[in-house]
N, C-alpha and C. Protein backbone atom coordinates (compact mmCIF):
# COMPACT_ATOMS: atom_id res chain seq x y z
N MET A 1 0.59 1.66 12.43
CA MET A 1 1.05 0.57 13.27
C MET A 1 2.53 0.78 13.52
N GLN A 2 2.96 0.69 14.75
CA GLN A 2 4.37 0.83 15.12
C GLN A 2 4.93 -0.55 15.41
N MET A 3 6.08 -0.86 14.87
CA MET A 3 6.73 -2.13 15.12
C MET A 3 7.90 -1.89 16.07
N GLU A 4 8.38 -2.92 16.75
CA GLU A 4 9.43 -2.81 17.75
C GLU A 4 10.68 -2.13 17.22
N SER A 5 11.08 -2.37 16.00
CA SER A 5 12.32 -1.82 15.45
C SER A 5 12.18 -0.35 15.07
N GLY A 6 11.02 0.26 15.27
CA GLY A 6 10.79 1.61 14.82
C GLY A 6 10.24 1.66 13.41
N LEU A 7 10.18 0.52 12.76
CA LEU A 7 9.63 0.44 11.42
C LEU A 7 8.12 0.47 11.52
N GLU A 8 7.48 1.35 10.75
CA GLU A 8 6.03 1.44 10.73
C GLU A 8 5.51 0.83 9.44
N THR A 9 4.24 0.50 9.44
CA THR A 9 3.62 -0.01 8.23
C THR A 9 2.38 0.81 7.92
N LYS A 10 2.05 0.91 6.66
CA LYS A 10 0.89 1.63 6.20
C LYS A 10 0.27 0.80 5.09
N PHE A 11 -0.99 0.47 5.23
CA PHE A 11 -1.68 -0.41 4.29
C PHE A 11 -2.50 0.37 3.27
N ALA A 12 -2.63 -0.17 2.09
CA ALA A 12 -3.50 0.41 1.06
C ALA A 12 -4.07 -0.72 0.22
N ARG A 13 -5.33 -0.63 -0.10
CA ARG A 13 -5.97 -1.60 -0.99
C ARG A 13 -6.00 -1.00 -2.38
N PHE A 14 -5.74 -1.79 -3.39
CA PHE A 14 -5.59 -1.26 -4.73
C PHE A 14 -6.52 -1.88 -5.73
N GLY A 15 -7.30 -1.05 -6.38
CA GLY A 15 -8.27 -1.52 -7.35
C GLY A 15 -7.81 -1.21 -8.74
N ASP A 16 -8.19 -0.05 -9.21
CA ASP A 16 -7.86 0.33 -10.58
C ASP A 16 -6.35 0.28 -10.80
N GLY A 17 -5.57 0.40 -9.71
CA GLY A 17 -4.14 0.53 -9.83
C GLY A 17 -3.35 -0.75 -9.87
N LEU A 18 -3.75 -1.82 -9.19
CA LEU A 18 -2.93 -3.02 -9.11
C LEU A 18 -3.41 -4.04 -10.12
N SER A 19 -2.48 -4.54 -10.89
CA SER A 19 -2.85 -5.57 -11.86
C SER A 19 -1.77 -6.64 -11.87
N VAL A 20 -2.17 -7.82 -12.30
CA VAL A 20 -1.24 -8.94 -12.48
C VAL A 20 -1.28 -9.30 -13.95
N SER A 21 -0.11 -9.37 -14.58
CA SER A 21 -0.06 -9.78 -15.98
C SER A 21 1.06 -10.78 -16.15
N ASP A 22 0.97 -11.55 -17.18
CA ASP A 22 1.98 -12.57 -17.47
C ASP A 22 2.23 -13.47 -16.26
N GLY A 23 1.24 -13.59 -15.39
CA GLY A 23 1.34 -14.47 -14.25
C GLY A 23 2.23 -13.98 -13.13
N ALA A 24 3.04 -12.93 -13.35
CA ALA A 24 3.98 -12.54 -12.31
C ALA A 24 4.21 -11.04 -12.18
N VAL A 25 3.89 -10.22 -13.18
CA VAL A 25 4.15 -8.79 -13.11
C VAL A 25 2.99 -8.10 -12.40
N ILE A 26 3.32 -7.33 -11.36
CA ILE A 26 2.29 -6.56 -10.68
C ILE A 26 2.64 -5.08 -10.76
N GLU A 27 1.60 -4.27 -10.79
CA GLU A 27 1.76 -2.84 -10.96
C GLU A 27 0.62 -2.14 -10.26
N GLY A 28 0.91 -1.06 -9.57
CA GLY A 28 -0.14 -0.31 -8.91
C GLY A 28 0.41 0.75 -7.99
N TYR A 29 -0.42 1.22 -7.07
CA TYR A 29 -0.04 2.24 -6.11
C TYR A 29 0.14 1.61 -4.73
N ALA A 30 1.31 1.84 -4.14
CA ALA A 30 1.59 1.34 -2.80
C ALA A 30 1.15 2.34 -1.75
N SER A 31 0.89 3.58 -2.15
CA SER A 31 0.47 4.64 -1.23
C SER A 31 -0.26 5.70 -2.05
N LEU A 32 -1.31 6.25 -1.46
CA LEU A 32 -2.06 7.31 -2.12
C LEU A 32 -1.95 8.59 -1.30
N PHE A 33 -1.63 9.69 -1.97
CA PHE A 33 -1.46 10.96 -1.28
C PHE A 33 -2.80 11.58 -0.89
N GLY A 34 -2.78 12.27 0.24
CA GLY A 34 -3.93 13.07 0.64
C GLY A 34 -5.11 12.29 1.19
N GLN A 35 -4.98 11.00 1.41
CA GLN A 35 -6.08 10.20 1.93
C GLN A 35 -5.80 9.78 3.36
N ILE A 36 -6.76 10.00 4.22
CA ILE A 36 -6.63 9.64 5.63
C ILE A 36 -6.88 8.14 5.76
N ASP A 37 -5.93 7.42 6.36
CA ASP A 37 -6.13 5.99 6.55
C ASP A 37 -6.83 5.73 7.88
N GLN A 38 -7.06 4.48 8.18
CA GLN A 38 -7.80 4.12 9.39
C GLN A 38 -7.03 4.41 10.67
N GLY A 39 -5.74 4.68 10.56
CA GLY A 39 -4.95 5.07 11.72
C GLY A 39 -4.87 6.57 11.91
N GLY A 40 -5.51 7.32 11.01
CA GLY A 40 -5.51 8.78 11.11
C GLY A 40 -4.31 9.45 10.49
N ASP A 41 -3.54 8.74 9.68
CA ASP A 41 -2.37 9.29 9.01
C ASP A 41 -2.70 9.65 7.57
N CYS A 42 -1.96 10.62 7.05
CA CYS A 42 -2.14 11.06 5.67
C CYS A 42 -0.77 11.33 5.06
N VAL A 43 -0.40 10.55 4.04
CA VAL A 43 0.88 10.74 3.36
C VAL A 43 0.75 11.92 2.40
N GLN A 44 1.72 12.82 2.47
CA GLN A 44 1.72 14.03 1.66
C GLN A 44 2.55 13.84 0.39
N PRO A 45 2.21 14.55 -0.69
CA PRO A 45 3.01 14.47 -1.91
C PRO A 45 4.47 14.82 -1.62
N GLY A 46 5.38 14.07 -2.21
CA GLY A 46 6.80 14.30 -2.02
C GLY A 46 7.40 13.57 -0.84
N ALA A 47 6.59 12.85 -0.07
CA ALA A 47 7.07 12.19 1.14
C ALA A 47 8.13 11.13 0.86
N TYR A 48 8.14 10.55 -0.33
CA TYR A 48 9.08 9.47 -0.65
C TYR A 48 10.29 9.96 -1.45
N ALA A 49 10.29 11.20 -1.89
CA ALA A 49 11.29 11.69 -2.84
C ALA A 49 12.72 11.47 -2.37
N SER A 50 13.07 11.89 -1.16
CA SER A 50 14.46 11.75 -0.73
C SER A 50 14.84 10.28 -0.51
N SER A 51 13.91 9.47 -0.05
CA SER A 51 14.18 8.06 0.15
C SER A 51 14.43 7.36 -1.18
N LEU A 52 13.61 7.63 -2.17
CA LEU A 52 13.80 7.02 -3.49
C LEU A 52 15.12 7.46 -4.12
N LYS A 53 15.46 8.72 -3.92
CA LYS A 53 16.73 9.25 -4.46
C LYS A 53 17.91 8.56 -3.78
N ALA A 54 17.86 8.41 -2.47
CA ALA A 54 18.95 7.75 -1.72
C ALA A 54 19.08 6.29 -2.13
N LEU A 55 17.96 5.59 -2.26
CA LEU A 55 18.01 4.18 -2.68
C LEU A 55 18.67 4.04 -4.05
N GLU A 56 18.28 4.91 -4.97
CA GLU A 56 18.86 4.86 -6.32
C GLU A 56 20.36 5.15 -6.28
N ALA A 57 20.76 6.16 -5.51
CA ALA A 57 22.17 6.52 -5.42
C ALA A 57 23.01 5.39 -4.83
N GLU A 58 22.43 4.64 -3.91
CA GLU A 58 23.14 3.55 -3.25
C GLU A 58 23.00 2.21 -3.98
N GLY A 59 22.20 2.18 -5.05
CA GLY A 59 21.99 0.96 -5.81
C GLY A 59 21.20 -0.09 -5.04
N ARG A 60 20.36 0.35 -4.10
CA ARG A 60 19.54 -0.58 -3.31
C ARG A 60 18.12 -0.59 -3.83
N ARG A 61 17.40 -1.66 -3.49
CA ARG A 61 15.99 -1.81 -3.88
C ARG A 61 15.11 -1.90 -2.65
N VAL A 62 13.91 -1.42 -2.79
CA VAL A 62 12.88 -1.64 -1.79
C VAL A 62 12.49 -3.11 -1.89
N LYS A 63 12.34 -3.78 -0.77
CA LYS A 63 12.03 -5.22 -0.76
C LYS A 63 10.54 -5.46 -1.02
N MET A 64 10.23 -6.57 -1.70
CA MET A 64 8.86 -7.04 -1.86
C MET A 64 8.69 -8.24 -0.93
N LEU A 65 7.84 -8.06 0.08
CA LEU A 65 7.65 -9.10 1.09
C LEU A 65 6.21 -9.60 1.11
N TRP A 66 6.01 -10.74 1.74
CA TRP A 66 4.70 -11.32 1.99
C TRP A 66 4.32 -10.98 3.42
N GLN A 67 3.27 -10.18 3.61
CA GLN A 67 2.71 -9.84 4.92
C GLN A 67 3.75 -9.25 5.87
N HIS A 68 4.68 -8.44 5.36
CA HIS A 68 5.73 -7.77 6.15
C HIS A 68 6.71 -8.74 6.80
N ASP A 69 6.76 -9.96 6.34
CA ASP A 69 7.66 -10.95 6.93
C ASP A 69 9.00 -10.91 6.20
N PRO A 70 10.07 -10.43 6.88
CA PRO A 70 11.36 -10.34 6.20
C PRO A 70 11.94 -11.70 5.81
N ALA A 71 11.40 -12.76 6.35
CA ALA A 71 11.86 -14.11 5.98
C ALA A 71 11.14 -14.61 4.72
N GLN A 72 10.19 -13.81 4.19
CA GLN A 72 9.43 -14.26 3.03
C GLN A 72 9.43 -13.23 1.90
N PRO A 73 10.59 -12.98 1.28
CA PRO A 73 10.57 -12.15 0.07
C PRO A 73 9.88 -12.94 -1.04
N ILE A 74 9.04 -12.28 -1.81
CA ILE A 74 8.27 -12.99 -2.83
C ILE A 74 8.48 -12.44 -4.24
N GLY A 75 9.30 -11.41 -4.35
CA GLY A 75 9.53 -10.83 -5.66
C GLY A 75 10.46 -9.66 -5.57
N VAL A 76 10.50 -8.88 -6.66
CA VAL A 76 11.34 -7.68 -6.70
C VAL A 76 10.54 -6.52 -7.28
N TRP A 77 10.76 -5.35 -6.70
CA TRP A 77 10.17 -4.12 -7.25
C TRP A 77 11.17 -3.54 -8.22
N ASP A 78 10.78 -3.45 -9.49
CA ASP A 78 11.66 -2.93 -10.53
C ASP A 78 11.54 -1.42 -10.67
N GLU A 79 10.36 -0.88 -10.37
CA GLU A 79 10.12 0.56 -10.51
C GLU A 79 9.32 1.07 -9.33
N LEU A 80 9.77 2.17 -8.76
CA LEU A 80 9.03 2.89 -7.73
C LEU A 80 9.17 4.37 -8.06
N ARG A 81 8.04 5.08 -8.13
CA ARG A 81 8.10 6.51 -8.43
C ARG A 81 6.87 7.20 -7.86
N GLU A 82 7.06 8.45 -7.53
CA GLU A 82 5.94 9.27 -7.09
C GLU A 82 5.33 9.94 -8.32
N ASP A 83 4.00 10.02 -8.33
CA ASP A 83 3.33 10.85 -9.31
C ASP A 83 2.30 11.68 -8.55
N ALA A 84 1.40 12.35 -9.24
CA ALA A 84 0.44 13.22 -8.57
C ALA A 84 -0.51 12.45 -7.65
N ARG A 85 -0.72 11.17 -7.91
CA ARG A 85 -1.67 10.36 -7.14
C ARG A 85 -1.04 9.68 -5.91
N GLY A 86 0.22 9.24 -6.06
CA GLY A 86 0.84 8.53 -4.95
C GLY A 86 2.13 7.85 -5.35
N LEU A 87 2.46 6.78 -4.63
CA LEU A 87 3.67 6.01 -4.89
C LEU A 87 3.32 4.84 -5.82
N ARG A 88 3.76 4.92 -7.04
CA ARG A 88 3.48 3.91 -8.06
C ARG A 88 4.59 2.87 -8.04
N VAL A 89 4.21 1.60 -8.04
CA VAL A 89 5.18 0.50 -8.01
C VAL A 89 4.91 -0.47 -9.15
N LYS A 90 5.99 -1.08 -9.62
CA LYS A 90 5.88 -2.13 -10.63
C LYS A 90 6.96 -3.14 -10.32
N GLY A 91 6.58 -4.41 -10.30
CA GLY A 91 7.56 -5.43 -9.98
C GLY A 91 7.12 -6.79 -10.46
N ARG A 92 7.92 -7.79 -10.06
CA ARG A 92 7.68 -9.16 -10.50
C ARG A 92 7.58 -10.08 -9.29
N LEU A 93 6.50 -10.85 -9.24
CA LEU A 93 6.42 -11.93 -8.27
C LEU A 93 7.33 -13.04 -8.78
N LEU A 94 8.09 -13.64 -7.90
CA LEU A 94 9.00 -14.70 -8.33
C LEU A 94 8.25 -16.02 -8.39
N ASP A 95 7.94 -16.44 -9.62
CA ASP A 95 7.21 -17.70 -9.77
C ASP A 95 8.11 -18.91 -9.54
N SER A 96 9.38 -18.66 -9.29
CA SER A 96 10.29 -19.74 -8.92
C SER A 96 10.20 -20.07 -7.43
N THR A 97 9.42 -19.26 -6.70
CA THR A 97 9.17 -19.55 -5.28
C THR A 97 7.72 -19.95 -5.09
N GLN A 98 7.47 -20.80 -4.14
CA GLN A 98 6.10 -21.24 -3.86
C GLN A 98 5.23 -20.07 -3.44
N LYS A 99 5.73 -19.21 -2.56
CA LYS A 99 4.94 -18.07 -2.07
C LYS A 99 4.66 -17.09 -3.20
N GLY A 100 5.59 -16.91 -4.13
CA GLY A 100 5.37 -16.04 -5.27
C GLY A 100 4.25 -16.54 -6.16
N ARG A 101 4.24 -17.86 -6.42
CA ARG A 101 3.15 -18.46 -7.22
C ARG A 101 1.82 -18.32 -6.49
N GLU A 102 1.84 -18.58 -5.17
CA GLU A 102 0.61 -18.45 -4.38
C GLU A 102 0.09 -17.01 -4.41
N ALA A 103 0.99 -16.04 -4.26
CA ALA A 103 0.59 -14.64 -4.26
C ALA A 103 -0.08 -14.26 -5.58
N ALA A 104 0.50 -14.69 -6.70
CA ALA A 104 -0.08 -14.39 -8.02
C ALA A 104 -1.48 -14.99 -8.14
N ALA A 105 -1.64 -16.22 -7.68
CA ALA A 105 -2.96 -16.87 -7.75
C ALA A 105 -3.96 -16.17 -6.83
N LEU A 106 -3.53 -15.77 -5.64
CA LEU A 106 -4.44 -15.11 -4.69
C LEU A 106 -4.87 -13.74 -5.19
N ILE A 107 -3.95 -12.99 -5.81
CA ILE A 107 -4.31 -11.69 -6.37
C ILE A 107 -5.30 -11.88 -7.52
N ALA A 108 -5.01 -12.81 -8.41
CA ALA A 108 -5.88 -13.05 -9.56
C ALA A 108 -7.28 -13.47 -9.12
N ALA A 109 -7.38 -14.22 -8.02
CA ALA A 109 -8.68 -14.67 -7.52
C ALA A 109 -9.38 -13.61 -6.68
N GLY A 110 -8.68 -12.54 -6.33
CA GLY A 110 -9.28 -11.50 -5.50
C GLY A 110 -9.19 -11.78 -4.01
N ALA A 111 -8.45 -12.80 -3.60
CA ALA A 111 -8.34 -13.14 -2.18
C ALA A 111 -7.36 -12.23 -1.45
N ILE A 112 -6.37 -11.73 -2.14
CA ILE A 112 -5.43 -10.75 -1.60
C ILE A 112 -5.66 -9.47 -2.39
N ASP A 113 -5.93 -8.40 -1.68
CA ASP A 113 -6.23 -7.16 -2.40
C ASP A 113 -5.55 -5.95 -1.81
N GLY A 114 -4.42 -6.15 -1.16
CA GLY A 114 -3.77 -5.00 -0.57
C GLY A 114 -2.27 -5.00 -0.67
N LEU A 115 -1.73 -3.80 -0.61
CA LEU A 115 -0.30 -3.58 -0.49
C LEU A 115 -0.11 -2.77 0.78
N SER A 116 1.05 -2.88 1.38
CA SER A 116 1.36 -2.15 2.59
C SER A 116 2.81 -1.73 2.55
N ILE A 117 3.07 -0.50 2.93
CA ILE A 117 4.45 -0.03 2.95
C ILE A 117 5.04 -0.20 4.34
N GLY A 118 6.31 -0.54 4.40
CA GLY A 118 7.08 -0.56 5.64
C GLY A 118 8.05 0.60 5.57
N TYR A 119 8.05 1.48 6.56
CA TYR A 119 8.81 2.72 6.48
C TYR A 119 9.17 3.23 7.87
N ARG A 120 10.05 4.22 7.90
CA ARG A 120 10.32 5.00 9.11
C ARG A 120 9.93 6.43 8.82
N THR A 121 9.27 7.05 9.77
CA THR A 121 8.88 8.45 9.62
C THR A 121 10.08 9.34 9.89
N ARG A 122 10.40 10.17 8.93
CA ARG A 122 11.48 11.15 9.09
C ARG A 122 10.92 12.51 9.50
N ARG A 123 9.80 12.90 8.91
CA ARG A 123 9.15 14.18 9.28
C ARG A 123 7.65 14.00 9.19
N ALA A 124 6.97 14.56 10.19
CA ALA A 124 5.51 14.55 10.21
C ALA A 124 5.04 15.74 11.04
N GLN A 125 3.81 16.13 10.85
CA GLN A 125 3.22 17.19 11.66
C GLN A 125 1.76 16.85 11.89
N LYS A 126 1.21 17.41 12.93
CA LYS A 126 -0.21 17.21 13.24
C LYS A 126 -1.03 18.32 12.60
N ASP A 127 -2.20 17.95 12.08
CA ASP A 127 -3.09 18.99 11.58
C ASP A 127 -4.01 19.43 12.71
N ASP A 128 -4.95 20.34 12.44
CA ASP A 128 -5.82 20.87 13.48
C ASP A 128 -6.80 19.84 14.04
N ARG A 129 -6.90 18.67 13.41
CA ARG A 129 -7.76 17.60 13.91
C ARG A 129 -6.96 16.51 14.62
N GLY A 130 -5.66 16.72 14.76
CA GLY A 130 -4.81 15.75 15.44
C GLY A 130 -4.33 14.61 14.57
N ARG A 131 -4.57 14.69 13.27
CA ARG A 131 -4.11 13.64 12.35
C ARG A 131 -2.66 13.91 11.99
N ARG A 132 -1.93 12.83 11.77
CA ARG A 132 -0.53 12.94 11.40
C ARG A 132 -0.39 13.11 9.89
N LEU A 133 0.26 14.18 9.47
CA LEU A 133 0.55 14.42 8.07
C LEU A 133 2.00 14.01 7.85
N LEU A 134 2.20 12.93 7.10
CA LEU A 134 3.53 12.36 6.88
C LEU A 134 4.18 13.07 5.70
N THR A 135 5.25 13.83 5.96
CA THR A 135 5.87 14.65 4.93
C THR A 135 7.19 14.10 4.42
N GLU A 136 7.86 13.22 5.20
CA GLU A 136 9.07 12.57 4.71
C GLU A 136 9.18 11.18 5.33
N LEU A 137 9.26 10.18 4.46
CA LEU A 137 9.31 8.79 4.90
C LEU A 137 10.54 8.10 4.32
N GLU A 138 11.13 7.21 5.11
CA GLU A 138 12.21 6.35 4.63
C GLU A 138 11.58 5.00 4.30
N LEU A 139 11.46 4.70 3.02
CA LEU A 139 10.78 3.51 2.55
C LEU A 139 11.70 2.31 2.63
N TRP A 140 11.24 1.23 3.27
CA TRP A 140 12.03 0.00 3.41
C TRP A 140 11.49 -1.13 2.54
N GLU A 141 10.17 -1.30 2.57
CA GLU A 141 9.59 -2.44 1.85
C GLU A 141 8.15 -2.17 1.47
N VAL A 142 7.67 -2.90 0.47
CA VAL A 142 6.27 -2.89 0.08
C VAL A 142 5.83 -4.35 0.08
N SER A 143 4.81 -4.65 0.90
CA SER A 143 4.34 -6.03 1.06
C SER A 143 2.97 -6.23 0.43
N LEU A 144 2.72 -7.46 0.00
CA LEU A 144 1.37 -7.88 -0.34
C LEU A 144 0.73 -8.31 0.98
N VAL A 145 -0.49 -7.81 1.25
CA VAL A 145 -1.13 -8.07 2.54
C VAL A 145 -2.60 -8.43 2.37
N THR A 146 -3.15 -9.02 3.42
CA THR A 146 -4.56 -9.40 3.43
C THR A 146 -5.44 -8.24 3.85
N PHE A 147 -5.04 -7.51 4.90
CA PHE A 147 -5.88 -6.45 5.46
C PHE A 147 -5.25 -5.08 5.31
N PRO A 148 -5.66 -4.33 4.29
CA PRO A 148 -5.11 -2.99 4.09
C PRO A 148 -5.76 -1.97 5.03
N MET A 149 -5.04 -0.90 5.30
CA MET A 149 -5.52 0.15 6.17
C MET A 149 -6.16 1.31 5.40
N LEU A 150 -5.88 1.40 4.12
CA LEU A 150 -6.45 2.46 3.29
C LEU A 150 -7.40 1.82 2.29
N PRO A 151 -8.68 1.66 2.67
CA PRO A 151 -9.60 0.91 1.82
C PRO A 151 -10.16 1.66 0.61
N SER A 152 -9.76 2.90 0.42
CA SER A 152 -10.33 3.66 -0.70
C SER A 152 -9.76 3.27 -2.06
N ALA A 153 -8.74 2.46 -2.09
CA ALA A 153 -8.21 1.94 -3.35
C ALA A 153 -8.32 0.42 -3.31
N ARG A 154 -8.72 -0.19 -4.42
CA ARG A 154 -8.98 -1.63 -4.45
C ARG A 154 -8.16 -2.35 -5.51
N VAL A 155 -8.01 -3.64 -5.35
CA VAL A 155 -7.26 -4.47 -6.30
C VAL A 155 -8.15 -4.88 -7.46
N ALA A 156 -7.59 -4.89 -8.63
CA ALA A 156 -8.25 -5.45 -9.80
C ALA A 156 -7.21 -6.22 -10.58
N ALA A 157 -7.46 -7.49 -10.82
CA ALA A 157 -6.54 -8.27 -11.63
C ALA A 157 -6.68 -7.83 -13.08
N LYS A 158 -5.60 -7.86 -13.83
CA LYS A 158 -5.64 -7.46 -15.23
C LYS A 158 -6.67 -8.31 -15.97
N GLY A 159 -7.46 -7.63 -16.78
CA GLY A 159 -8.49 -8.34 -17.52
C GLY A 159 -9.88 -8.13 -16.93
N ASP A 160 -9.94 -7.60 -15.69
CA ASP A 160 -11.25 -7.30 -15.11
C ASP A 160 -11.91 -6.20 -15.91
N ALA A 161 -13.22 -6.21 -15.95
CA ALA A 161 -13.95 -5.15 -16.63
C ALA A 161 -13.73 -3.85 -15.89
N PRO A 162 -13.55 -2.71 -16.60
CA PRO A 162 -13.34 -1.45 -15.91
C PRO A 162 -14.60 -1.03 -15.14
N CYS A 163 -14.38 -0.36 -14.00
CA CYS A 163 -15.50 0.11 -13.18
C CYS A 163 -16.18 1.26 -13.89
N THR A 164 -17.49 1.33 -13.77
CA THR A 164 -18.23 2.48 -14.27
C THR A 164 -18.24 3.53 -13.18
N ASP A 165 -18.66 4.75 -13.53
CA ASP A 165 -18.75 5.81 -12.53
C ASP A 165 -19.71 5.43 -11.42
N THR A 166 -20.78 4.73 -11.74
CA THR A 166 -21.75 4.31 -10.73
C THR A 166 -21.11 3.37 -9.73
N TRP A 167 -20.38 2.37 -10.21
CA TRP A 167 -19.73 1.43 -9.31
C TRP A 167 -18.67 2.12 -8.47
N ARG A 168 -17.96 3.08 -9.07
CA ARG A 168 -16.95 3.83 -8.30
C ARG A 168 -17.64 4.61 -7.19
N SER A 169 -18.76 5.23 -7.50
CA SER A 169 -19.49 5.99 -6.47
C SER A 169 -19.96 5.10 -5.34
N ILE A 170 -20.48 3.94 -5.68
CA ILE A 170 -20.92 2.98 -4.65
C ILE A 170 -19.74 2.56 -3.80
N ALA A 171 -18.62 2.27 -4.44
CA ALA A 171 -17.42 1.85 -3.71
C ALA A 171 -16.94 2.95 -2.76
N GLU A 172 -16.99 4.21 -3.20
CA GLU A 172 -16.58 5.32 -2.34
C GLU A 172 -17.47 5.43 -1.11
N VAL A 173 -18.78 5.29 -1.30
CA VAL A 173 -19.71 5.35 -0.17
C VAL A 173 -19.43 4.21 0.81
N LEU A 174 -19.23 3.01 0.28
CA LEU A 174 -18.93 1.86 1.15
C LEU A 174 -17.60 2.04 1.88
N ASP A 175 -16.60 2.59 1.20
CA ASP A 175 -15.31 2.83 1.85
C ASP A 175 -15.44 3.85 2.97
N GLU A 176 -16.20 4.92 2.74
CA GLU A 176 -16.40 5.91 3.79
C GLU A 176 -17.11 5.29 4.99
N ALA A 177 -18.10 4.45 4.75
CA ALA A 177 -18.81 3.77 5.84
C ALA A 177 -17.86 2.83 6.59
N ARG A 178 -17.02 2.11 5.85
CA ARG A 178 -16.07 1.19 6.47
C ARG A 178 -15.07 1.96 7.34
N GLN A 179 -14.62 3.13 6.86
CA GLN A 179 -13.70 3.95 7.65
C GLN A 179 -14.37 4.45 8.92
N GLU A 180 -15.61 4.88 8.82
CA GLU A 180 -16.34 5.36 10.00
C GLU A 180 -16.53 4.23 11.01
N LEU A 181 -16.86 3.05 10.54
CA LEU A 181 -16.98 1.90 11.44
C LEU A 181 -15.64 1.58 12.11
N ALA A 182 -14.57 1.65 11.35
CA ALA A 182 -13.24 1.36 11.92
C ALA A 182 -12.88 2.39 12.98
N ARG A 183 -13.20 3.67 12.73
CA ARG A 183 -12.91 4.70 13.74
C ARG A 183 -13.72 4.44 15.00
N GLY A 184 -15.00 4.04 14.85
CA GLY A 184 -15.84 3.72 16.00
C GLY A 184 -15.33 2.52 16.75
N TRP A 185 -14.87 1.49 16.01
CA TRP A 185 -14.34 0.30 16.64
C TRP A 185 -13.06 0.64 17.40
N HIS A 186 -12.21 1.50 16.80
CA HIS A 186 -10.97 1.87 17.44
C HIS A 186 -11.25 2.64 18.74
N ARG A 187 -12.23 3.55 18.71
CA ARG A 187 -12.56 4.33 19.92
C ARG A 187 -13.07 3.41 21.03
N THR A 188 -13.93 2.42 20.68
CA THR A 188 -14.49 1.55 21.73
C THR A 188 -13.48 0.53 22.20
N SER A 189 -12.55 0.14 21.35
CA SER A 189 -11.57 -0.88 21.75
C SER A 189 -10.46 -0.30 22.61
N THR A 190 -10.30 1.02 22.61
CA THR A 190 -9.23 1.64 23.40
C THR A 190 -9.74 2.16 24.73
N ARG A 191 -10.98 1.97 25.05
CA ARG A 191 -11.53 2.44 26.33
C ARG A 191 -11.30 1.45 27.42
């Protein structure tokens, strides 16, 4: 999704990765490497490295927003790091704000199950299928969102029973079907 300011957003749903503890601490993956999202983009390992380094050097933080609304900060991200799987985040919802309390309750109830990154593309290339491979991104914010664009990762509140391999397999099949339907919907809606 392209926004007027040049800021783009990328959604991801988080299951095994996102948890809520102590009523306000959230932890999970804001981006997963090597997975094609519903917009046809794929974030590559190392895409956030220079942005995270610059933020640290300047003493700045990535913002935690509600639905990408800059007027609604709902918490702070205390840790952001890349690992082999993706961009791992850990932060605190501010329970001193109404929206922060609402967000914690919605995550715990399973009503909100996504995170989305707000970024600017610094470097990207097309693969042989025309998909955009994002190799360097300038990270601005990570939002809690209702509709994620990368459905292969799901939210799980802390304390949920761990998924078995069977349930993971079923979820993967459903996610692939959902992606195929989204691609079909996108093709018919752009005609």
